[in-house]
């Protein structure tokens, strides 16, 4: 396996595909954590929509969500 860094990106929107679908399209999976990841993301989006967090806070929160949760829980998918 190479030491080359791989980049994976996610769209955060109520209209975007699920995080699992987005990961699958890029050759990754969240496995057993897929539903939890989706629920966390939905909760963050709902908090923003209902004014519980500002736009500036939202940017920081989704950055942290992507780097501390999504990036750590995603695994390369092993197709059977």
PDB file of N, CA and C in Angstrom:
ATOM      1  N   UNK A   1       0.849  -1.189   0.000  1.00  0.00           N
ATOM      2  CA  UNK A   1       0.000   0.000   0.000  1.00  0.00           C
ATOM      3  C   UNK A   1       0.887   1.242   0.000  1.00  0.00           C
ATOM      4  N   UNK A   2       0.536   2.221  -0.755  1.00  0.00           N
ATOM      5  CA  UNK A   2       1.353   3.418  -0.877  1.00  0.00           C
ATOM      6  C   UNK A   2       1.065   4.390   0.266  1.00  0.00           C
ATOM      7  N   UNK A   3       2.037   5.278   0.519  1.00  0.00           N
ATOM      8  CA  UNK A   3       1.882   6.290   1.555  1.00  0.00           C
ATOM      9  C   UNK A   3       1.194   7.537   1.010  1.00  0.00           C
ATOM     10  N   UNK A   4       0.710   7.443  -0.206  1.00  0.00           N
ATOM     11  CA  UNK A   4       0.045   8.566  -0.850  1.00  0.00           C
ATOM     12  C   UNK A   4      -1.242   8.918  -0.099  1.00  0.00           C
ATOM     13  N   UNK A   5      -1.415  10.223   0.162  1.00  0.00           N
ATOM     14  CA  UNK A   5      -2.633  10.664   0.850  1.00  0.00           C
ATOM     15  C   UNK A   5      -3.814  10.591  -0.101  1.00  0.00           C
ATOM     16  N   UNK A   6      -4.926  10.101   0.428  1.00  0.00           N
ATOM     17  CA  UNK A   6      -6.155  10.052  -0.349  1.00  0.00           C
ATOM     18  C   UNK A   6      -7.117  11.072   0.229  1.00  0.00           C
ATOM     19  N   UNK A   7      -7.834  11.728  -0.633  1.00  0.00           N
ATOM     20  CA  UNK A   7      -8.788  12.731  -0.190  1.00  0.00           C
ATOM     21  C   UNK A   7     -10.200  12.256  -0.475  1.00  0.00           C
ATOM     22  N   UNK A   8     -11.053  12.479   0.472  1.00  0.00           N
ATOM     23  CA  UNK A   8     -12.458  12.128   0.336  1.00  0.00           C
ATOM     24  C   UNK A   8     -13.243  13.345   0.770  1.00  0.00           C
ATOM     25  N   UNK A   9     -14.300  13.662   0.051  1.00  0.00           N
ATOM     26  CA  UNK A   9     -15.079  14.852   0.400  1.00  0.00           C
ATOM     27  C   UNK A   9     -16.545  14.485   0.592  1.00  0.00           C
ATOM     28  N   UNK A  10     -17.210  15.293   1.389  1.00  0.00           N
ATOM     29  CA  UNK A  10     -18.622  15.087   1.685  1.00  0.00           C
ATOM     30  C   UNK A  10     -19.374  16.394   1.537  1.00  0.00           C
ATOM     31  N   UNK A  11     -20.605  16.282   1.053  1.00  0.00           N
ATOM     32  CA  UNK A  11     -21.508  17.425   0.965  1.00  0.00           C
ATOM     33  C   UNK A  11     -22.421  17.362   2.182  1.00  0.00           C
ATOM     34  N   UNK A  12     -22.563  18.505   2.861  1.00  0.00           N
ATOM     35  CA  UNK A  12     -23.403  18.579   4.052  1.00  0.00           C
ATOM     36  C   UNK A  12     -24.663  19.353   3.694  1.00  0.00           C
ATOM     37  N   UNK A  13     -25.736  18.635   3.455  1.00  0.00           N
ATOM     38  CA  UNK A  13     -27.003  19.260   3.068  1.00  0.00           C
ATOM     39  C   UNK A  13     -28.125  18.260   3.272  1.00  0.00           C
ATOM     40  N   UNK A  14     -29.296  18.785   3.574  1.00  0.00           N
ATOM     41  CA  UNK A  14     -30.457  17.905   3.701  1.00  0.00           C
ATOM     42  C   UNK A  14     -30.811  17.279   2.355  1.00  0.00           C
ATOM     43  N   UNK A  15     -30.348  17.898   1.265  1.00  0.00           N
ATOM     44  CA  UNK A  15     -30.663  17.414  -0.075  1.00  0.00           C
ATOM     45  C   UNK A  15     -29.551  16.550  -0.665  1.00  0.00           C
ATOM     46  N   UNK A  16     -28.433  16.443   0.042  1.00  0.00           N
ATOM     47  CA  UNK A  16     -27.315  15.625  -0.436  1.00  0.00           C
ATOM     48  C   UNK A  16     -27.601  14.145  -0.183  1.00  0.00           C
ATOM     49  N   UNK A  17     -26.862  13.302  -0.865  1.00  0.00           N
ATOM     50  CA  UNK A  17     -26.957  11.868  -0.604  1.00  0.00           C
ATOM     51  C   UNK A  17     -26.472  11.613   0.827  1.00  0.00           C
ATOM     52  N   UNK A  18     -26.815  10.455   1.374  1.00  0.00           N
ATOM     53  CA  UNK A  18     -26.357  10.135   2.723  1.00  0.00           C
ATOM     54  C   UNK A  18     -24.835  10.079   2.738  1.00  0.00           C
ATOM     55  N   UNK A  19     -24.265  10.214   3.922  1.00  0.00           N
ATOM     56  CA  UNK A  19     -22.809  10.141   4.034  1.00  0.00           C
ATOM     57  C   UNK A  19     -22.306   8.777   3.582  1.00  0.00           C
ATOM     58  N   UNK A  20     -23.066   7.730   3.866  1.00  0.00           N
ATOM     59  CA  UNK A  20     -22.668   6.377   3.437  1.00  0.00           C
ATOM     60  C   UNK A  20     -22.665   6.283   1.915  1.00  0.00           C
ATOM     61  N   UNK A  21     -23.703   6.816   1.257  1.00  0.00           N
ATOM     62  CA  UNK A  21     -23.744   6.786  -0.210  1.00  0.00           C
ATOM     63  C   UNK A  21     -22.577   7.574  -0.796  1.00  0.00           C
ATOM     64  N   UNK A  22     -22.291   8.738  -0.205  1.00  0.00           N
ATOM     65  CA  UNK A  22     -21.173   9.549  -0.690  1.00  0.00           C
ATOM     66  C   UNK A  22     -19.847   8.808  -0.498  1.00  0.00           C
ATOM     67  N   UNK A  23     -19.698   8.147   0.651  1.00  0.00           N
ATOM     68  CA  UNK A  23     -18.474   7.381   0.912  1.00  0.00           C
ATOM     69  C   UNK A  23     -18.354   6.220  -0.072  1.00  0.00           C
ATOM     70  N   UNK A  24     -19.459   5.498  -0.294  1.00  0.00           N
ATOM     71  CA  UNK A  24     -19.452   4.354  -1.215  1.00  0.00           C
ATOM     72  C   UNK A  24     -19.029   4.770  -2.617  1.00  0.00           C
ATOM     73  N   UNK A  25     -19.503   5.913  -3.083  1.00  0.00           N
ATOM     74  CA  UNK A  25     -19.151   6.392  -4.422  1.00  0.00           C
ATOM     75  C   UNK A  25     -17.647   6.648  -4.559  1.00  0.00           C
ATOM     76  N   UNK A  26     -16.975   6.860  -3.417  1.00  0.00           N
ATOM     77  CA  UNK A  26     -15.542   7.144  -3.430  1.00  0.00           C
ATOM     78  C   UNK A  26     -14.713   5.933  -2.982  1.00  0.00           C
ATOM     79  N   UNK A  27     -15.407   4.778  -2.832  1.00  0.00           N
ATOM     80  CA  UNK A  27     -14.714   3.552  -2.481  1.00  0.00           C
ATOM     81  C   UNK A  27     -14.529   3.329  -0.993  1.00  0.00           C
ATOM     82  N   UNK A  28     -15.341   3.976  -0.168  1.00  0.00           N
ATOM     83  CA  UNK A  28     -15.226   3.871   1.281  1.00  0.00           C
ATOM     84  C   UNK A  28     -16.567   3.495   1.899  1.00  0.00           C
ATOM     85  N   UNK A  29     -16.541   3.217   3.207  1.00  0.00           N
ATOM     86  CA  UNK A  29     -17.761   2.910   3.940  1.00  0.00           C
ATOM     87  C   UNK A  29     -17.607   3.332   5.394  1.00  0.00           C
ATOM     88  N   UNK A  30     -18.724   3.540   6.068  1.00  0.00           N
ATOM     89  CA  UNK A  30     -18.716   3.787   7.515  1.00  0.00           C
ATOM     90  C   UNK A  30     -19.096   2.522   8.275  1.00  0.00           C
ATOM     91  N   UNK A  31     -19.443   1.467   7.538  1.00  0.00           N
ATOM     92  CA  UNK A  31     -19.774   0.190   8.157  1.00  0.00           C
ATOM     93  C   UNK A  31     -20.899   0.323   9.176  1.00  0.00           C
ATOM     94  N   UNK A  32     -20.671  -0.205  10.369  1.00  0.00           N
ATOM     95  CA  UNK A  32     -21.686  -0.181  11.425  1.00  0.00           C
ATOM     96  C   UNK A  32     -21.988   1.223  11.934  1.00  0.00           C
ATOM     97  N   UNK A  33     -21.123   2.187  11.642  1.00  0.00           N
ATOM     98  CA  UNK A  33     -21.323   3.564  12.102  1.00  0.00           C
ATOM     99  C   UNK A  33     -22.130   4.419  11.127  1.00  0.00           C
ATOM    100  N   UNK A  34     -22.565   3.855  10.014  1.00  0.00           N
ATOM    101  CA  UNK A  34     -23.231   4.636   8.969  1.00  0.00           C
ATOM    102  C   UNK A  34     -24.463   5.378   9.485  1.00  0.00           C
ATOM    103  N   UNK A  35     -25.314   4.700  10.214  1.00  0.00           N
ATOM    104  CA  UNK A  35     -26.540   5.346  10.708  1.00  0.00           C
ATOM    105  C   UNK A  35     -26.217   6.428  11.735  1.00  0.00           C
ATOM    106  N   UNK A  36     -25.268   6.165  12.617  1.00  0.00           N
ATOM    107  CA  UNK A  36     -24.881   7.154  13.624  1.00  0.00           C
ATOM    108  C   UNK A  36     -24.300   8.403  12.972  1.00  0.00           C
ATOM    109  N   UNK A  37     -23.433   8.212  11.982  1.00  0.00           N
ATOM    110  CA  UNK A  37     -22.843   9.341  11.258  1.00  0.00           C
ATOM    111  C   UNK A  37     -23.951  10.183  10.625  1.00  0.00           C
ATOM    112  N   UNK A  38     -24.931   9.532  10.003  1.00  0.00           N
ATOM    113  CA  UNK A  38     -26.026  10.245   9.356  1.00  0.00           C
ATOM    114  C   UNK A  38     -26.845  11.018  10.382  1.00  0.00           C
ATOM    115  N   UNK A  39     -27.111  10.418  11.530  1.00  0.00           N
ATOM    116  CA  UNK A  39     -27.899  11.084  12.568  1.00  0.00           C
ATOM    117  C   UNK A  39     -27.162  12.293  13.147  1.00  0.00           C
ATOM    118  N   UNK A  40     -25.867  12.169  13.346  1.00  0.00           N
ATOM    119  CA  UNK A  40     -25.080  13.306  13.845  1.00  0.00           C
ATOM    120  C   UNK A  40     -25.132  14.451  12.833  1.00  0.00           C
ATOM    121  N   UNK A  41     -24.896  14.130  11.562  1.00  0.00           N
ATOM    122  CA  UNK A  41     -24.950  15.153  10.514  1.00  0.00           C
ATOM    123  C   UNK A  41     -26.312  15.812  10.423  1.00  0.00           C
ATOM    124  N   UNK A  42     -27.371  15.018  10.501  1.00  0.00           N
ATOM    125  CA  UNK A  42     -28.725  15.567  10.443  1.00  0.00           C
ATOM    126  C   UNK A  42     -28.972  16.486  11.639  1.00  0.00           C
ATOM    127  N   UNK A  43     -28.529  16.090  12.807  1.00  0.00           N
ATOM    128  CA  UNK A  43     -28.693  16.919  14.001  1.00  0.00           C
ATOM    129  C   UNK A  43     -27.983  18.257  13.867  1.00  0.00           C
ATOM    130  N   UNK A  44     -26.780  18.237  13.314  1.00  0.00           N
ATOM    131  CA  UNK A  44     -26.038  19.483  13.110  1.00  0.00           C
ATOM    132  C   UNK A  44     -26.752  20.389  12.103  1.00  0.00           C
ATOM    133  N   UNK A  45     -27.258  19.790  11.024  1.00  0.00           N
ATOM    134  CA  UNK A  45     -27.989  20.583  10.026  1.00  0.00           C
ATOM    135  C   UNK A  45     -29.265  21.172  10.623  1.00  0.00           C
ATOM    136  N   UNK A  46     -29.979  20.390  11.423  1.00  0.00           N
ATOM    137  CA  UNK A  46     -31.215  20.863  12.054  1.00  0.00           C
ATOM    138  C   UNK A  46     -30.915  22.006  13.026  1.00  0.00           C
ATOM    139  N   UNK A  47     -29.827  21.893  13.778  1.00  0.00           N
ATOM    140  CA  UNK A  47     -29.450  22.956  14.707  1.00  0.00           C
ATOM    141  C   UNK A  47     -29.185  24.260  13.951  1.00  0.00           C
ATOM    142  N   UNK A  48     -28.578  24.161  12.797  1.00  0.00           N
ATOM    143  CA  UNK A  48     -28.311  25.358  11.989  1.00  0.00           C
ATOM    144  C   UNK A  48     -29.602  25.926  11.405  1.00  0.00           C
ATOM    145  N   UNK A  49     -30.426  25.079  10.843  1.00  0.00           N
ATOM    146  CA  UNK A  49     -31.685  25.525  10.224  1.00  0.00           C
ATOM    147  C   UNK A  49     -32.586  26.235  11.235  1.00  0.00           C
ATOM    148  N   UNK A  50     -32.602  25.740  12.456  1.00  0.00           N
ATOM    149  CA  UNK A  50     -33.482  26.308  13.482  1.00  0.00           C
ATOM    150  C   UNK A  50     -32.822  27.416  14.295  1.00  0.00           C
ATOM    151  N   UNK A  51     -31.667  27.883  13.833  1.00  0.00           N
ATOM    152  CA  UNK A  51     -31.029  29.046  14.431  1.00  0.00           C
ATOM    153  C   UNK A  51     -30.295  28.794  15.739  1.00  0.00           C
ATOM    154  N   UNK A  52     -30.029  27.550  16.058  1.00  0.00           N
ATOM    155  CA  UNK A  52     -29.310  27.255  17.297  1.00  0.00           C
ATOM    156  C   UNK A  52     -27.817  27.529  17.171  1.00  0.00           C
ATOM    157  N   UNK A  53     -27.321  27.486  15.945  1.00  0.00           N
ATOM    158  CA  UNK A  53     -25.926  27.840  15.693  1.00  0.00           C
ATOM    159  C   UNK A  53     -25.869  28.809  14.515  1.00  0.00           C
ATOM    160  N   UNK A  54     -24.923  29.736  14.580  1.00  0.00           N
ATOM    161  CA  UNK A  54     -24.791  30.744  13.525  1.00  0.00           C
ATOM    162  C   UNK A  54     -24.090  30.150  12.306  1.00  0.00           C
ATOM    163  N   UNK A  55     -24.067  30.909  11.232  1.00  0.00           N
ATOM    164  CA  UNK A  55     -23.385  30.475  10.008  1.00  0.00           C
ATOM    165  C   UNK A  55     -21.895  30.239  10.273  1.00  0.00           C
ATOM    166  N   UNK A  56     -21.289  31.175  11.005  1.00  0.00           N
ATOM    167  CA  UNK A  56     -19.869  31.055  11.324  1.00  0.00           C
ATOM    168  C   UNK A  56     -19.611  29.812  12.183  1.00  0.00           C
ATOM    169  N   UNK A  57     -20.454  29.591  13.172  1.00  0.00           N
ATOM    170  CA  UNK A  57     -20.317  28.403  14.018  1.00  0.00           C
ATOM    171  C   UNK A  57     -20.537  27.139  13.195  1.00  0.00           C
ATOM    172  N   UNK A  58     -21.478  27.190  12.281  1.00  0.00           N
ATOM    173  CA  UNK A  58     -21.805  26.040  11.443  1.00  0.00           C
ATOM    174  C   UNK A  58     -20.591  25.606  10.626  1.00  0.00           C
ATOM    175  N   UNK A  59     -19.898  26.563  10.041  1.00  0.00           N
ATOM    176  CA  UNK A  59     -18.694  26.247   9.261  1.00  0.00           C
ATOM    177  C   UNK A  59     -17.658  25.534  10.127  1.00  0.00           C
ATOM    178  N   UNK A  60     -17.433  26.038  11.329  1.00  0.00           N
ATOM    179  CA  UNK A  60     -16.458  25.429  12.241  1.00  0.00           C
ATOM    180  C   UNK A  60     -16.911  24.040  12.674  1.00  0.00           C
ATOM    181  N   UNK A  61     -18.183  23.904  12.987  1.00  0.00           N
ATOM    182  CA  UNK A  61     -18.718  22.625  13.456  1.00  0.00           C
ATOM    183  C   UNK A  61     -18.623  21.565  12.364  1.00  0.00           C
ATOM    184  N   UNK A  62     -19.005  21.909  11.132  1.00  0.00           N
ATOM    185  CA  UNK A  62     -18.923  20.921  10.056  1.00  0.00           C
ATOM    186  C   UNK A  62     -17.479  20.585   9.693  1.00  0.00           C
ATOM    187  N   UNK A  63     -16.582  21.552   9.845  1.00  0.00           N
ATOM    188  CA  UNK A  63     -15.160  21.253   9.634  1.00  0.00           C
ATOM    189  C   UNK A  63     -14.711  20.217  10.667  1.00  0.00           C
ATOM    190  N   UNK A  64     -15.069  20.438  11.916  1.00  0.00           N
ATOM    191  CA  UNK A  64     -14.702  19.486  12.978  1.00  0.00           C
ATOM    192  C   UNK A  64     -15.376  18.137  12.757  1.00  0.00           C
ATOM    193  N   UNK A  65     -16.637  18.160  12.362  1.00  0.00           N
ATOM    194  CA  UNK A  65     -17.363  16.922  12.078  1.00  0.00           C
ATOM    195  C   UNK A  65     -16.647  16.131  10.992  1.00  0.00           C
ATOM    196  N   UNK A  66     -16.227  16.834   9.952  1.00  0.00           N
ATOM    197  CA  UNK A  66     -15.564  16.155   8.838  1.00  0.00           C
ATOM    198  C   UNK A  66     -14.191  15.623   9.239  1.00  0.00           C
ATOM    199  N   UNK A  67     -13.420  16.389  10.016  1.00  0.00           N
ATOM    200  CA  UNK A  67     -12.053  15.964  10.344  1.00  0.00           C
ATOM    201  C   UNK A  67     -11.985  15.024  11.541  1.00  0.00           C
ATOM    202  N   UNK A  68     -12.876  15.169  12.491  1.00  0.00           N
ATOM    203  CA  UNK A  68     -12.783  14.358  13.709  1.00  0.00           C
ATOM    204  C   UNK A  68     -13.702  13.142  13.721  1.00  0.00           C
ATOM    205  N   UNK A  69     -14.783  13.182  12.954  1.00  0.00           N
ATOM    206  CA  UNK A  69     -15.712  12.052  12.916  1.00  0.00           C
ATOM    207  C   UNK A  69     -15.618  11.333  11.569  1.00  0.00           C
ATOM    208  N   UNK A  70     -15.975  12.023  10.507  1.00  0.00           N
ATOM    209  CA  UNK A  70     -16.027  11.378   9.193  1.00  0.00           C
ATOM    210  C   UNK A  70     -14.670  10.795   8.800  1.00  0.00           C
ATOM    211  N   UNK A  71     -13.622  11.576   8.911  1.00  0.00           N
ATOM    212  CA  UNK A  71     -12.297  11.116   8.480  1.00  0.00           C
ATOM    213  C   UNK A  71     -11.779   9.955   9.326  1.00  0.00           C
ATOM    214  N   UNK A  72     -12.151   9.911  10.581  1.00  0.00           N
ATOM    215  CA  UNK A  72     -11.651   8.850  11.464  1.00  0.00           C
ATOM    216  C   UNK A  72     -12.475   7.568  11.362  1.00  0.00           C
ATOM    217  N   UNK A  73     -13.750   7.668  11.027  1.00  0.00           N
ATOM    218  CA  UNK A  73     -14.623   6.496  10.992  1.00  0.00           C
ATOM    219  C   UNK A  73     -14.737   5.854   9.617  1.00  0.00           C
ATOM    220  N   UNK A  74     -14.345   6.552   8.575  1.00  0.00           N
ATOM    221  CA  UNK A  74     -14.469   6.002   7.224  1.00  0.00           C
ATOM    222  C   UNK A  74     -13.370   4.973   6.986  1.00  0.00           C
ATOM    223  N   UNK A  75     -13.728   3.891   6.282  1.00  0.00           N
ATOM    224  CA  UNK A  75     -12.771   2.827   5.972  1.00  0.00           C
ATOM    225  C   UNK A  75     -12.856   2.503   4.487  1.00  0.00           C
ATOM    226  N   UNK A  76     -11.753   2.037   3.935  1.00  0.00           N
ATOM    227  CA  UNK A  76     -11.795   1.604   2.545  1.00  0.00           C
ATOM    228  C   UNK A  76     -12.763   0.439   2.427  1.00  0.00           C
ATOM    229  N   UNK A  77     -13.567   0.483   1.398  1.00  0.00           N
ATOM    230  CA  UNK A  77     -14.567  -0.560   1.178  1.00  0.00           C
ATOM    231  C   UNK A  77     -13.918  -1.761   0.519  1.00  0.00           C
ATOM    232  N   UNK A  78     -14.258  -2.930   1.016  1.00  0.00           N
ATOM    233  CA  UNK A  78     -13.775  -4.172   0.419  1.00  0.00           C
ATOM    234  C   UNK A  78     -14.929  -4.819  -0.310  1.00  0.00           C
ATOM    235  N   UNK A  79     -14.942  -4.667  -1.612  1.00  0.00           N
ATOM    236  CA  UNK A  79     -16.020  -5.268  -2.414  1.00  0.00           C
ATOM    237  C   UNK A  79     -15.877  -6.766  -2.411  1.00  0.00           C
ATOM    238  N   UNK A  80     -17.007  -7.412  -2.278  1.00  0.00           N
ATOM    239  CA  UNK A  80     -17.014  -8.881  -2.235  1.00  0.00           C
ATOM    240  C   UNK A  80     -17.313  -9.467  -3.589  1.00  0.00           C
TER     241      UNK A  80
END
